[in-house]
Amino acid sequence: MNEAISWADFEKVEIRTGTVLSVDTFPQARKPAYKLTIDFGELGTKRTSAQLTKLYKPDDLIGKQVVAVVNFPPKQIATFMSECLVLGAVADDGTVTLLQTERPTKNGLRIA
């Protein structure tokens, strides 16, 4: 486990719900990944790269609600600028299982 953070540190992290609008393959990525466009409601849409190819096909992801950190600065990943970080549980072999809300929610709601 990493060092402990303060409650104030945690409050700075904007974790929000969003719905995947589109999925594109990302052959330029070092590890197999997709490019996702996600609707965060009033926050608008954001794009990200996500290593979800082991468990999910593109059609499985469209319309799926996800949980993501939306206040990281943009990050260059190969030829793509990632604007958020979709959250998932990462197994020892690198397989990522998406984190989701227990039931559908409004896009853009803050996770607390």
PDB file of N, CA and C in Angstrom:
ATOM      1  N   MET A   1       0.843  -1.174   0.000  1.00  0.00           N
ATOM      2  CA  MET A   1       0.000   0.000   0.000  1.00  0.00           C
ATOM      3  C   MET A   1       0.891   1.240   0.000  1.00  0.00           C
ATOM      4  N   ASN A   2       0.459   2.270  -0.729  1.00  0.00           N
ATOM      5  CA  ASN A   2       1.180   3.536  -0.762  1.00  0.00           C
ATOM      6  C   ASN A   2       0.972   4.289   0.547  1.00  0.00           C
ATOM      7  N   GLU A   3       1.701   5.399   0.701  1.00  0.00           N
ATOM      8  CA  GLU A   3       1.562   6.194   1.920  1.00  0.00           C
ATOM      9  C   GLU A   3       0.150   6.746   2.051  1.00  0.00           C
ATOM     10  N   ALA A   4      -0.273   6.993   3.270  1.00  0.00           N
ATOM     11  CA  ALA A   4      -1.606   7.524   3.534  1.00  0.00           C
ATOM     12  C   ALA A   4      -1.732   8.942   2.984  1.00  0.00           C
ATOM     13  N   ILE A   5      -2.940   9.270   2.523  1.00  0.00           N
ATOM     14  CA  ILE A   5      -3.234  10.629   2.083  1.00  0.00           C
ATOM     15  C   ILE A   5      -4.217  11.250   3.059  1.00  0.00           C
ATOM     16  N   SER A   6      -4.305  12.550   3.020  1.00  0.00           N
ATOM     17  CA  SER A   6      -5.246  13.231   3.911  1.00  0.00           C
ATOM     18  C   SER A   6      -6.631  13.265   3.267  1.00  0.00           C
ATOM     19  N   TRP A   7      -7.644  13.546   4.084  1.00  0.00           N
ATOM     20  CA  TRP A   7      -8.996  13.696   3.570  1.00  0.00           C
ATOM     21  C   TRP A   7      -9.023  14.848   2.561  1.00  0.00           C
ATOM     22  N   ALA A   8      -8.287  15.903   2.835  1.00  0.00           N
ATOM     23  CA  ALA A   8      -8.227  17.050   1.915  1.00  0.00           C
ATOM     24  C   ALA A   8      -7.661  16.632   0.560  1.00  0.00           C
ATOM     25  N   ASP A   9      -6.668  15.722   0.551  1.00  0.00           N
ATOM     26  CA  ASP A   9      -6.127  15.212  -0.712  1.00  0.00           C
ATOM     27  C   ASP A   9      -7.215  14.491  -1.503  1.00  0.00           C
ATOM     28  N   PHE A  10      -7.970  13.634  -0.838  1.00  0.00           N
ATOM     29  CA  PHE A  10      -9.030  12.871  -1.496  1.00  0.00           C
ATOM     30  C   PHE A  10     -10.103  13.798  -2.068  1.00  0.00           C
ATOM     31  N   GLU A  11     -10.436  14.848  -1.336  1.00  0.00           N
ATOM     32  CA  GLU A  11     -11.483  15.768  -1.789  1.00  0.00           C
ATOM     33  C   GLU A  11     -11.101  16.504  -3.077  1.00  0.00           C
ATOM     34  N   LYS A  12      -9.827  16.563  -3.405  1.00  0.00           N
ATOM     35  CA  LYS A  12      -9.372  17.203  -4.637  1.00  0.00           C
ATOM     36  C   LYS A  12      -9.648  16.343  -5.868  1.00  0.00           C
ATOM     37  N   VAL A  13      -9.829  15.046  -5.688  1.00  0.00           N
ATOM     38  CA  VAL A  13     -10.012  14.128  -6.807  1.00  0.00           C
ATOM     39  C   VAL A  13     -11.479  14.157  -7.247  1.00  0.00           C
ATOM     40  N   GLU A  14     -11.701  14.530  -8.500  1.00  0.00           N
ATOM     41  CA  GLU A  14     -13.051  14.583  -9.075  1.00  0.00           C
ATOM     42  C   GLU A  14     -13.340  13.253  -9.765  1.00  0.00           C
ATOM     43  N   ILE A  15     -14.066  12.379  -9.084  1.00  0.00           N
ATOM     44  CA  ILE A  15     -14.461  11.090  -9.651  1.00  0.00           C
ATOM     45  C   ILE A  15     -15.933  11.218 -10.022  1.00  0.00           C
ATOM     46  N   ARG A  16     -16.237  10.994 -11.298  1.00  0.00           N
ATOM     47  CA  ARG A  16     -17.591  11.230 -11.806  1.00  0.00           C
ATOM     48  C   ARG A  16     -18.100  10.045 -12.627  1.00  0.00           C
ATOM     49  N   THR A  17     -19.427   9.977 -12.749  1.00  0.00           N
ATOM     50  CA  THR A  17     -20.051   8.972 -13.593  1.00  0.00           C
ATOM     51  C   THR A  17     -20.173   9.503 -15.022  1.00  0.00           C
ATOM     52  N   GLY A  18     -20.068   8.601 -15.981  1.00  0.00           N
ATOM     53  CA  GLY A  18     -20.220   8.973 -17.380  1.00  0.00           C
ATOM     54  C   GLY A  18     -20.649   7.771 -18.193  1.00  0.00           C
ATOM     55  N   THR A  19     -21.115   8.019 -19.397  1.00  0.00           N
ATOM     56  CA  THR A  19     -21.558   6.954 -20.292  1.00  0.00           C
ATOM     57  C   THR A  19     -20.704   6.957 -21.551  1.00  0.00           C
ATOM     58  N   VAL A  20     -20.229   5.779 -21.928  1.00  0.00           N
ATOM     59  CA  VAL A  20     -19.385   5.633 -23.115  1.00  0.00           C
ATOM     60  C   VAL A  20     -20.234   5.870 -24.369  1.00  0.00           C
ATOM     61  N   LEU A  21     -19.818   6.848 -25.175  1.00  0.00           N
ATOM     62  CA  LEU A  21     -20.521   7.177 -26.412  1.00  0.00           C
ATOM     63  C   LEU A  21     -19.941   6.459 -27.621  1.00  0.00           C
ATOM     64  N   SER A  22     -18.598   6.357 -27.657  1.00  0.00           N
ATOM     65  CA  SER A  22     -17.957   5.700 -28.798  1.00  0.00           C
ATOM     66  C   SER A  22     -16.657   5.039 -28.364  1.00  0.00           C
ATOM     67  N   VAL A  23     -16.269   4.046 -29.151  1.00  0.00           N
ATOM     68  CA  VAL A  23     -15.042   3.280 -28.888  1.00  0.00           C
ATOM     69  C   VAL A  23     -14.318   3.084 -30.206  1.00  0.00           C
ATOM     70  N   ASP A  24     -13.022   3.404 -30.207  1.00  0.00           N
ATOM     71  CA  ASP A  24     -12.179   3.190 -31.382  1.00  0.00           C
ATOM     72  C   ASP A  24     -10.989   2.328 -30.982  1.00  0.00           C
ATOM     73  N   THR A  25     -10.496   1.544 -31.924  1.00  0.00           N
ATOM     74  CA  THR A  25      -9.277   0.782 -31.649  1.00  0.00           C
ATOM     75  C   THR A  25      -8.112   1.761 -31.572  1.00  0.00           C
ATOM     76  N   PHE A  26      -7.031   1.317 -30.933  1.00  0.00           N
ATOM     77  CA  PHE A  26      -5.875   2.193 -30.716  1.00  0.00           C
ATOM     78  C   PHE A  26      -4.598   1.401 -30.999  1.00  0.00           C
ATOM     79  N   PRO A  27      -4.327   1.106 -32.272  1.00  0.00           N
ATOM     80  CA  PRO A  27      -3.171   0.276 -32.611  1.00  0.00           C
ATOM     81  C   PRO A  27      -1.825   0.904 -32.262  1.00  0.00           C
ATOM     82  N   GLN A  28      -1.766   2.230 -32.084  1.00  0.00           N
ATOM     83  CA  GLN A  28      -0.501   2.890 -31.755  1.00  0.00           C
ATOM     84  C   GLN A  28      -0.123   2.736 -30.279  1.00  0.00           C
ATOM     85  N   ALA A  29      -1.039   2.311 -29.436  1.00  0.00           N
ATOM     86  CA  ALA A  29      -0.761   2.157 -28.000  1.00  0.00           C
ATOM     87  C   ALA A  29       0.253   1.040 -27.769  1.00  0.00           C
ATOM     88  N   ARG A  30       1.115   1.229 -26.774  1.00  0.00           N
ATOM     89  CA  ARG A  30       2.122   0.222 -26.434  1.00  0.00           C
ATOM     90  C   ARG A  30       1.477  -1.069 -25.961  1.00  0.00           C
ATOM     91  N   LYS A  31       0.442  -0.958 -25.110  1.00  0.00           N
ATOM     92  CA  LYS A  31      -0.340  -2.107 -24.646  1.00  0.00           C
ATOM     93  C   LYS A  31      -1.708  -2.016 -25.302  1.00  0.00           C
ATOM     94  N   PRO A  32      -2.336  -3.154 -25.606  1.00  0.00           N
ATOM     95  CA  PRO A  32      -3.642  -3.110 -26.267  1.00  0.00           C
ATOM     96  C   PRO A  32      -4.635  -2.222 -25.506  1.00  0.00           C
ATOM     97  N   ALA A  33      -5.272  -1.307 -26.245  1.00  0.00           N
ATOM     98  CA  ALA A  33      -6.178  -0.342 -25.616  1.00  0.00           C
ATOM     99  C   ALA A  33      -7.219   0.133 -26.619  1.00  0.00           C
ATOM    100  N   TYR A  34      -8.241   0.771 -26.085  1.00  0.00           N
ATOM    101  CA  TYR A  34      -9.263   1.449 -26.886  1.00  0.00           C
ATOM    102  C   TYR A  34      -9.206   2.939 -26.594  1.00  0.00           C
ATOM    103  N   LYS A  35      -9.710   3.732 -27.554  1.00  0.00           N
ATOM    104  CA  LYS A  35      -9.960   5.150 -27.336  1.00  0.00           C
ATOM    105  C   LYS A  35     -11.456   5.277 -27.044  1.00  0.00           C
ATOM    106  N   LEU A  36     -11.794   5.846 -25.898  1.00  0.00           N
ATOM    107  CA  LEU A  36     -13.190   6.011 -25.504  1.00  0.00           C
ATOM    108  C   LEU A  36     -13.571   7.483 -25.516  1.00  0.00           C
ATOM    109  N   THR A  37     -14.789   7.779 -25.927  1.00  0.00           N
ATOM    110  CA  THR A  37     -15.387   9.098 -25.762  1.00  0.00           C
ATOM    111  C   THR A  37     -16.515   8.908 -24.762  1.00  0.00           C
ATOM    112  N   ILE A  38     -16.489   9.709 -23.680  1.00  0.00           N
ATOM    113  CA  ILE A  38     -17.414   9.513 -22.560  1.00  0.00           C
ATOM    114  C   ILE A  38     -18.195  10.797 -22.302  1.00  0.00           C
ATOM    115  N   ASP A  39     -19.506  10.655 -22.111  1.00  0.00           N
ATOM    116  CA  ASP A  39     -20.397  11.769 -21.787  1.00  0.00           C
ATOM    117  C   ASP A  39     -20.472  11.922 -20.271  1.00  0.00           C
ATOM    118  N   PHE A  40     -20.026  13.086 -19.763  1.00  0.00           N
ATOM    119  CA  PHE A  40     -20.082  13.381 -18.336  1.00  0.00           C
ATOM    120  C   PHE A  40     -21.151  14.430 -18.024  1.00  0.00           C
ATOM    121  N   GLY A  41     -22.226  14.435 -18.784  1.00  0.00           N
ATOM    122  CA  GLY A  41     -23.337  15.342 -18.520  1.00  0.00           C
ATOM    123  C   GLY A  41     -22.923  16.795 -18.648  1.00  0.00           C
ATOM    124  N   GLU A  42     -23.193  17.585 -17.607  1.00  0.00           N
ATOM    125  CA  GLU A  42     -22.892  19.019 -17.627  1.00  0.00           C
ATOM    126  C   GLU A  42     -21.394  19.314 -17.780  1.00  0.00           C
ATOM    127  N   LEU A  43     -20.546  18.339 -17.481  1.00  0.00           N
ATOM    128  CA  LEU A  43     -19.097  18.519 -17.638  1.00  0.00           C
ATOM    129  C   LEU A  43     -18.662  18.351 -19.095  1.00  0.00           C
ATOM    130  N   GLY A  44     -19.563  17.894 -19.936  1.00  0.00           N
ATOM    131  CA  GLY A  44     -19.247  17.685 -21.345  1.00  0.00           C
ATOM    132  C   GLY A  44     -18.686  16.300 -21.618  1.00  0.00           C
ATOM    133  N   THR A  45     -18.080  16.142 -22.782  1.00  0.00           N
ATOM    134  CA  THR A  45     -17.475  14.858 -23.145  1.00  0.00           C
ATOM    135  C   THR A  45     -15.967  14.933 -22.969  1.00  0.00           C
ATOM    136  N   LYS A  46     -15.393  13.784 -22.653  1.00  0.00           N
ATOM    137  CA  LYS A  46     -13.942  13.662 -22.527  1.00  0.00           C
ATOM    138  C   LYS A  46     -13.528  12.374 -23.209  1.00  0.00           C
ATOM    139  N   ARG A  47     -12.266  12.369 -23.668  1.00  0.00           N
ATOM    140  CA  ARG A  47     -11.722  11.179 -24.322  1.00  0.00           C
ATOM    141  C   ARG A  47     -10.623  10.584 -23.461  1.00  0.00           C
ATOM    142  N   THR A  48     -10.475   9.272 -23.565  1.00  0.00           N
ATOM    143  CA  THR A  48      -9.437   8.591 -22.804  1.00  0.00           C
ATOM    144  C   THR A  48      -8.996   7.334 -23.526  1.00  0.00           C
ATOM    145  N   SER A  49      -7.829   6.869 -23.162  1.00  0.00           N
ATOM    146  CA  SER A  49      -7.321   5.582 -23.614  1.00  0.00           C
ATOM    147  C   SER A  49      -7.489   4.612 -22.448  1.00  0.00           C
ATOM    148  N   ALA A  50      -7.988   3.411 -22.740  1.00  0.00           N
ATOM    149  CA  ALA A  50      -8.230   2.449 -21.660  1.00  0.00           C
ATOM    150  C   ALA A  50      -7.839   1.046 -22.111  1.00  0.00           C
ATOM    151  N   GLN A  51      -7.090   0.349 -21.259  1.00  0.00           N
ATOM    152  CA  GLN A  51      -6.625  -1.004 -21.551  1.00  0.00           C
ATOM    153  C   GLN A  51      -7.702  -2.013 -21.137  1.00  0.00           C
ATOM    154  N   LEU A  52      -8.759  -2.075 -21.922  1.00  0.00           N
ATOM    155  CA  LEU A  52      -9.918  -2.905 -21.596  1.00  0.00           C
ATOM    156  C   LEU A  52     -10.117  -4.050 -22.577  1.00  0.00           C
ATOM    157  N   THR A  53      -9.146  -4.311 -23.429  1.00  0.00           N
ATOM    158  CA  THR A  53      -9.345  -5.227 -24.550  1.00  0.00           C
ATOM    159  C   THR A  53      -9.457  -6.692 -24.153  1.00  0.00           C
ATOM    160  N   LYS A  54      -8.998  -7.073 -22.969  1.00  0.00           N
ATOM    161  CA  LYS A  54      -9.072  -8.486 -22.575  1.00  0.00           C
ATOM    162  C   LYS A  54     -10.492  -8.928 -22.246  1.00  0.00           C
ATOM    163  N   LEU A  55     -11.276  -8.055 -21.620  1.00  0.00           N
ATOM    164  CA  LEU A  55     -12.623  -8.438 -21.187  1.00  0.00           C
ATOM    165  C   LEU A  55     -13.747  -7.825 -22.002  1.00  0.00           C
ATOM    166  N   TYR A  56     -13.453  -6.762 -22.760  1.00  0.00           N
ATOM    167  CA  TYR A  56     -14.517  -6.016 -23.418  1.00  0.00           C
ATOM    168  C   TYR A  56     -14.248  -5.845 -24.905  1.00  0.00           C
ATOM    169  N   LYS A  57     -15.289  -6.030 -25.702  1.00  0.00           N
ATOM    170  CA  LYS A  57     -15.268  -5.707 -27.123  1.00  0.00           C
ATOM    171  C   LYS A  57     -15.837  -4.297 -27.269  1.00  0.00           C
ATOM    172  N   PRO A  58     -15.495  -3.573 -28.340  1.00  0.00           N
ATOM    173  CA  PRO A  58     -16.015  -2.207 -28.499  1.00  0.00           C
ATOM    174  C   PRO A  58     -17.537  -2.105 -28.337  1.00  0.00           C
ATOM    175  N   ASP A  59     -18.272  -3.013 -28.938  1.00  0.00           N
ATOM    176  CA  ASP A  59     -19.731  -2.954 -28.841  1.00  0.00           C
ATOM    177  C   ASP A  59     -20.240  -3.185 -27.418  1.00  0.00           C
ATOM    178  N   ASP A  60     -19.460  -3.907 -26.592  1.00  0.00           N
ATOM    179  CA  ASP A  60     -19.847  -4.123 -25.189  1.00  0.00           C
ATOM    180  C   ASP A  60     -19.771  -2.833 -24.386  1.00  0.00           C
ATOM    181  N   LEU A  61     -18.909  -1.915 -24.802  1.00  0.00           N
ATOM    182  CA  LEU A  61     -18.644  -0.708 -24.020  1.00  0.00           C
ATOM    183  C   LEU A  61     -19.575   0.456 -24.355  1.00  0.00           C
ATOM    184  N   ILE A  62     -20.075   0.508 -25.577  1.00  0.00           N
ATOM    185  CA  ILE A  62     -20.942   1.621 -25.972  1.00  0.00           C
ATOM    186  C   ILE A  62     -22.227   1.573 -25.149  1.00  0.00           C
ATOM    187  N   GLY A  63     -22.538   2.701 -24.497  1.00  0.00           N
ATOM    188  CA  GLY A  63     -23.719   2.793 -23.636  1.00  0.00           C
ATOM    189  C   GLY A  63     -23.473   2.371 -22.202  1.00  0.00           C
ATOM    190  N   LYS A  64     -22.287   1.837 -21.928  1.00  0.00           N
ATOM    191  CA  LYS A  64     -21.962   1.394 -20.563  1.00  0.00           C
ATOM    192  C   LYS A  64     -21.606   2.605 -19.705  1.00  0.00           C
ATOM    193  N   GLN A  65     -22.153   2.633 -18.495  1.00  0.00           N
ATOM    194  CA  GLN A  65     -21.802   3.712 -17.572  1.00  0.00           C
ATOM    195  C   GLN A  65     -20.519   3.325 -16.842  1.00  0.00           C
ATOM    196  N   VAL A  66     -19.612   4.296 -16.727  1.00  0.00           N
ATOM    197  CA  VAL A  66     -18.307   4.076 -16.105  1.00  0.00           C
ATOM    198  C   VAL A  66     -18.072   5.120 -15.021  1.00  0.00           C
ATOM    199  N   VAL A  67     -17.000   4.923 -14.275  1.00  0.00           N
ATOM    200  CA  VAL A  67     -16.561   5.848 -13.238  1.00  0.00           C
ATOM    201  C   VAL A  67     -15.152   6.291 -13.625  1.00  0.00           C
ATOM    202  N   ALA A  68     -14.906   7.616 -13.580  1.00  0.00           N
ATOM    203  CA  ALA A  68     -13.608   8.118 -14.039  1.00  0.00           C
ATOM    204  C   ALA A  68     -13.168   9.338 -13.239  1.00  0.00           C
ATOM    205  N   VAL A  69     -11.848   9.520 -13.163  1.00  0.00           N
ATOM    206  CA  VAL A  69     -11.266  10.747 -12.602  1.00  0.00           C
ATOM    207  C   VAL A  69     -11.228  11.743 -13.749  1.00  0.00           C
ATOM    208  N   VAL A  70     -11.840  12.922 -13.547  1.00  0.00           N
ATOM    209  CA  VAL A  70     -11.966  13.891 -14.638  1.00  0.00           C
ATOM    210  C   VAL A  70     -11.104  15.136 -14.469  1.00  0.00           C
ATOM    211  N   ASN A  71     -10.353  15.250 -13.366  1.00  0.00           N
ATOM    212  CA  ASN A  71      -9.572  16.479 -13.177  1.00  0.00           C
ATOM    213  C   ASN A  71      -8.055  16.273 -13.217  1.00  0.00           C
ATOM    214  N   PHE A  72      -7.599  15.225 -13.888  1.00  0.00           N
ATOM    215  CA  PHE A  72      -6.174  15.117 -14.195  1.00  0.00           C
ATOM    216  C   PHE A  72      -5.879  16.028 -15.377  1.00  0.00           C
ATOM    217  N   PRO A  73      -4.652  16.536 -15.489  1.00  0.00           N
ATOM    218  CA  PRO A  73      -4.315  17.271 -16.713  1.00  0.00           C
ATOM    219  C   PRO A  73      -4.265  16.290 -17.887  1.00  0.00           C
ATOM    220  N   PRO A  74      -4.507  16.756 -19.105  1.00  0.00           N
ATOM    221  CA  PRO A  74      -4.411  15.863 -20.268  1.00  0.00           C
ATOM    222  C   PRO A  74      -3.037  15.188 -20.330  1.00  0.00           C
ATOM    223  N   LYS A  75      -3.035  13.947 -20.815  1.00  0.00           N
ATOM    224  CA  LYS A  75      -1.797  13.169 -20.887  1.00  0.00           C
ATOM    225  C   LYS A  75      -1.658  12.575 -22.282  1.00  0.00           C
ATOM    226  N   GLN A  76      -0.485  12.782 -22.881  1.00  0.00           N
ATOM    227  CA  GLN A  76      -0.208  12.234 -24.208  1.00  0.00           C
ATOM    228  C   GLN A  76       0.065  10.742 -24.086  1.00  0.00           C
ATOM    229  N   ILE A  77      -0.697   9.935 -24.826  1.00  0.00           N
ATOM    230  CA  ILE A  77      -0.479   8.491 -24.886  1.00  0.00           C
ATOM    231  C   ILE A  77      -0.338   8.144 -26.361  1.00  0.00           C
ATOM    232  N   ALA A  78       0.875   7.878 -26.785  1.00  0.00           N
ATOM    233  CA  ALA A  78       1.202   7.662 -28.207  1.00  0.00           C
ATOM    234  C   ALA A  78       0.714   8.868 -28.997  1.00  0.00           C
ATOM    235  N   THR A  79      -0.193   8.662 -29.937  1.00  0.00           N
ATOM    236  CA  THR A  79      -0.671   9.744 -30.803  1.00  0.00           C
ATOM    237  C   THR A  79      -1.964  10.376 -30.281  1.00  0.00           C
ATOM    238  N   PHE A  80      -2.331  10.113 -29.044  1.00  0.00           N
ATOM    239  CA  PHE A  80      -3.652  10.456 -28.511  1.00  0.00           C
ATOM    240  C   PHE A  80      -3.513  11.252 -27.218  1.00  0.00           C
ATOM    241  N   MET A  81      -4.385  12.247 -27.025  1.00  0.00           N
ATOM    242  CA  MET A  81      -4.401  13.026 -25.781  1.00  0.00           C
ATOM    243  C   MET A  81      -5.541  12.518 -24.902  1.00  0.00           C
ATOM    244  N   SER A  82      -5.193  11.918 -23.774  1.00  0.00           N
ATOM    245  CA  SER A  82      -6.171  11.376 -22.830  1.00  0.00           C
ATOM    246  C   SER A  82      -6.577  12.469 -21.849  1.00  0.00           C
ATOM    247  N   GLU A  83      -7.895  12.637 -21.637  1.00  0.00           N
ATOM    248  CA  GLU A  83      -8.416  13.727 -20.818  1.00  0.00           C
ATOM    249  C   GLU A  83      -9.003  13.287 -19.477  1.00  0.00           C
ATOM    250  N   CYS A  84      -9.099  11.989 -19.242  1.00  0.00           N
ATOM    251  CA  CYS A  84      -9.627  11.483 -17.971  1.00  0.00           C
ATOM    252  C   CYS A  84      -9.076  10.082 -17.752  1.00  0.00           C
ATOM    253  N   LEU A  85      -9.363   9.498 -16.596  1.00  0.00           N
ATOM    254  CA  LEU A  85      -8.891   8.154 -16.267  1.00  0.00           C
ATOM    255  C   LEU A  85     -10.076   7.307 -15.836  1.00  0.00           C
ATOM    256  N   VAL A  86     -10.447   6.338 -16.685  1.00  0.00           N
ATOM    257  CA  VAL A  86     -11.513   5.400 -16.338  1.00  0.00           C
ATOM    258  C   VAL A  86     -10.976   4.470 -15.259  1.00  0.00           C
ATOM    259  N   LEU A  87     -11.778   4.214 -14.232  1.00  0.00           N
ATOM    260  CA  LEU A  87     -11.328   3.396 -13.109  1.00  0.00           C
ATOM    261  C   LEU A  87     -11.738   1.929 -13.290  1.00  0.00           C
ATOM    262  N   GLY A  88     -10.841   1.051 -12.880  1.00  0.00           N
ATOM    263  CA  GLY A  88     -11.098  -0.379 -12.950  1.00  0.00           C
ATOM    264  C   GLY A  88     -10.201  -1.118 -11.985  1.00  0.00           C
ATOM    265  N   ALA A  89     -10.601  -2.332 -11.686  1.00  0.00           N
ATOM    266  CA  ALA A  89      -9.796  -3.216 -10.852  1.00  0.00           C
ATOM    267  C   ALA A  89      -8.808  -3.935 -11.763  1.00  0.00           C
ATOM    268  N   VAL A  90      -7.515  -3.904 -11.402  1.00  0.00           N
ATOM    269  CA  VAL A  90      -6.463  -4.473 -12.245  1.00  0.00           C
ATOM    270  C   VAL A  90      -5.947  -5.763 -11.613  1.00  0.00           C
ATOM    271  N   ALA A  91      -6.110  -6.864 -12.339  1.00  0.00           N
ATOM    272  CA  ALA A  91      -5.623  -8.166 -11.880  1.00  0.00           C
ATOM    273  C   ALA A  91      -4.116  -8.274 -12.082  1.00  0.00           C
ATOM    274  N   ASP A  92      -3.505  -9.279 -11.477  1.00  0.00           N
ATOM    275  CA  ASP A  92      -2.061  -9.480 -11.598  1.00  0.00           C
ATOM    276  C   ASP A  92      -1.598  -9.604 -13.049  1.00  0.00           C
ATOM    277  N   ASP A  93      -2.443 -10.155 -13.919  1.00  0.00           N
ATOM    278  CA  ASP A  93      -2.063 -10.310 -15.329  1.00  0.00           C
ATOM    279  C   ASP A  93      -2.380  -9.072 -16.171  1.00  0.00           C
ATOM    280  N   GLY A  94      -2.839  -7.988 -15.529  1.00  0.00           N
ATOM    281  CA  GLY A  94      -3.134  -6.751 -16.229  1.00  0.00           C
ATOM    282  C   GLY A  94      -4.561  -6.623 -16.721  1.00  0.00           C
ATOM    283  N   THR A  95      -5.376  -7.649 -16.541  1.00  0.00           N
ATOM    284  CA  THR A  95      -6.772  -7.588 -16.952  1.00  0.00           C
ATOM    285  C   THR A  95      -7.499  -6.535 -16.126  1.00  0.00           C
ATOM    286  N   VAL A  96      -8.230  -5.635 -16.806  1.00  0.00           N
ATOM    287  CA  VAL A  96      -8.946  -4.557 -16.130  1.00  0.00           C
ATOM    288  C   VAL A  96     -10.448  -4.834 -16.169  1.00  0.00           C
ATOM    289  N   THR A  97     -11.077  -4.806 -14.996  1.00  0.00           N
ATOM    290  CA  THR A  97     -12.531  -4.913 -14.869  1.00  0.00           C
ATOM    291  C   THR A  97     -13.053  -3.546 -14.473  1.00  0.00           C
ATOM    292  N   LEU A  98     -13.941  -2.987 -15.284  1.00  0.00           N
ATOM    293  CA  LEU A  98     -14.454  -1.646 -15.042  1.00  0.00           C
ATOM    294  C   LEU A  98     -15.188  -1.523 -13.719  1.00  0.00           C
ATOM    295  N   LEU A  99     -15.012  -0.378 -13.059  1.00  0.00           N
ATOM    296  CA  LEU A  99     -15.831  -0.034 -11.906  1.00  0.00           C
ATOM    297  C   LEU A  99     -17.081   0.649 -12.423  1.00  0.00           C
ATOM    298  N   GLN A 100     -18.222   0.306 -11.849  1.00  0.00           N
ATOM    299  CA  GLN A 100     -19.493   0.875 -12.269  1.00  0.00           C
ATOM    300  C   GLN A 100     -20.364   1.146 -11.054  1.00  0.00           C
ATOM    301  N   THR A 101     -21.357   2.017 -11.256  1.00  0.00           N
ATOM    302  CA  THR A 101     -22.328   2.234 -10.197  1.00  0.00           C
ATOM    303  C   THR A 101     -23.238   1.013 -10.117  1.00  0.00           C
ATOM    304  N   GLU A 102     -23.867   0.833  -8.990  1.00  0.00           N
ATOM    305  CA  GLU A 102     -24.729  -0.322  -8.758  1.00  0.00           C
ATOM    306  C   GLU A 102     -25.997  -0.261  -9.616  1.00  0.00           C
ATOM    307  N   ARG A 103     -26.400   0.940  -9.999  1.00  0.00           N
ATOM    308  CA  ARG A 103     -27.542   1.144 -10.901  1.00  0.00           C
ATOM    309  C   ARG A 103     -27.275   2.396 -11.727  1.00  0.00           C
ATOM    310  N   PRO A 104     -28.013   2.585 -12.821  1.00  0.00           N
ATOM    311  CA  PRO A 104     -27.763   3.770 -13.663  1.00  0.00           C
ATOM    312  C   PRO A 104     -27.947   5.071 -12.873  1.00  0.00           C
ATOM    313  N   THR A 105     -27.081   6.025 -13.167  1.00  0.00           N
ATOM    314  CA  THR A 105     -27.150   7.345 -12.523  1.00  0.00           C
ATOM    315  C   THR A 105     -27.030   8.422 -13.583  1.00  0.00           C
ATOM    316  N   LYS A 106     -27.285   9.647 -13.192  1.00  0.00           N
ATOM    317  CA  LYS A 106     -27.122  10.793 -14.087  1.00  0.00           C
ATOM    318  C   LYS A 106     -25.628  10.949 -14.395  1.00  0.00           C
ATOM    319  N   ASN A 107     -25.306  11.188 -15.656  1.00  0.00           N
ATOM    320  CA  ASN A 107     -23.917  11.430 -16.033  1.00  0.00           C
ATOM    321  C   ASN A 107     -23.394  12.683 -15.336  1.00  0.00           C
ATOM    322  N   GLY A 108     -22.172  12.593 -14.833  1.00  0.00           N
ATOM    323  CA  GLY A 108     -21.527  13.714 -14.198  1.00  0.00           C
ATOM    324  C   GLY A 108     -21.646  13.739 -12.675  1.00  0.00           C
ATOM    325  N   LEU A 109     -22.418  12.794 -12.105  1.00  0.00           N
ATOM    326  CA  LEU A 109     -22.527  12.801 -10.642  1.00  0.00           C
ATOM    327  C   LEU A 109     -21.175  12.508 -10.014  1.00  0.00           C
ATOM    328  N   ARG A 110     -20.895  13.189  -8.912  1.00  0.00           N
ATOM    329  CA  ARG A 110     -19.618  13.006  -8.213  1.00  0.00           C
ATOM    330  C   ARG A 110     -19.680  11.764  -7.336  1.00  0.00           C
ATOM    331  N   ILE A 111     -18.602  11.000  -7.356  1.00  0.00           N
ATOM    332  CA  ILE A 111     -18.445   9.844  -6.475  1.00  0.00           C
ATOM    333  C   ILE A 111     -17.807  10.359  -5.183  1.00  0.00           C
ATOM    334  N   ALA A 112     -18.410  10.004  -4.067  1.00  0.00           N
ATOM    335  CA  ALA A 112     -17.907  10.481  -2.773  1.00  0.00           C
ATOM    336  C   ALA A 112     -17.767   9.328  -1.807  1.00  0.00           C
TER     337      ALA A 112
END
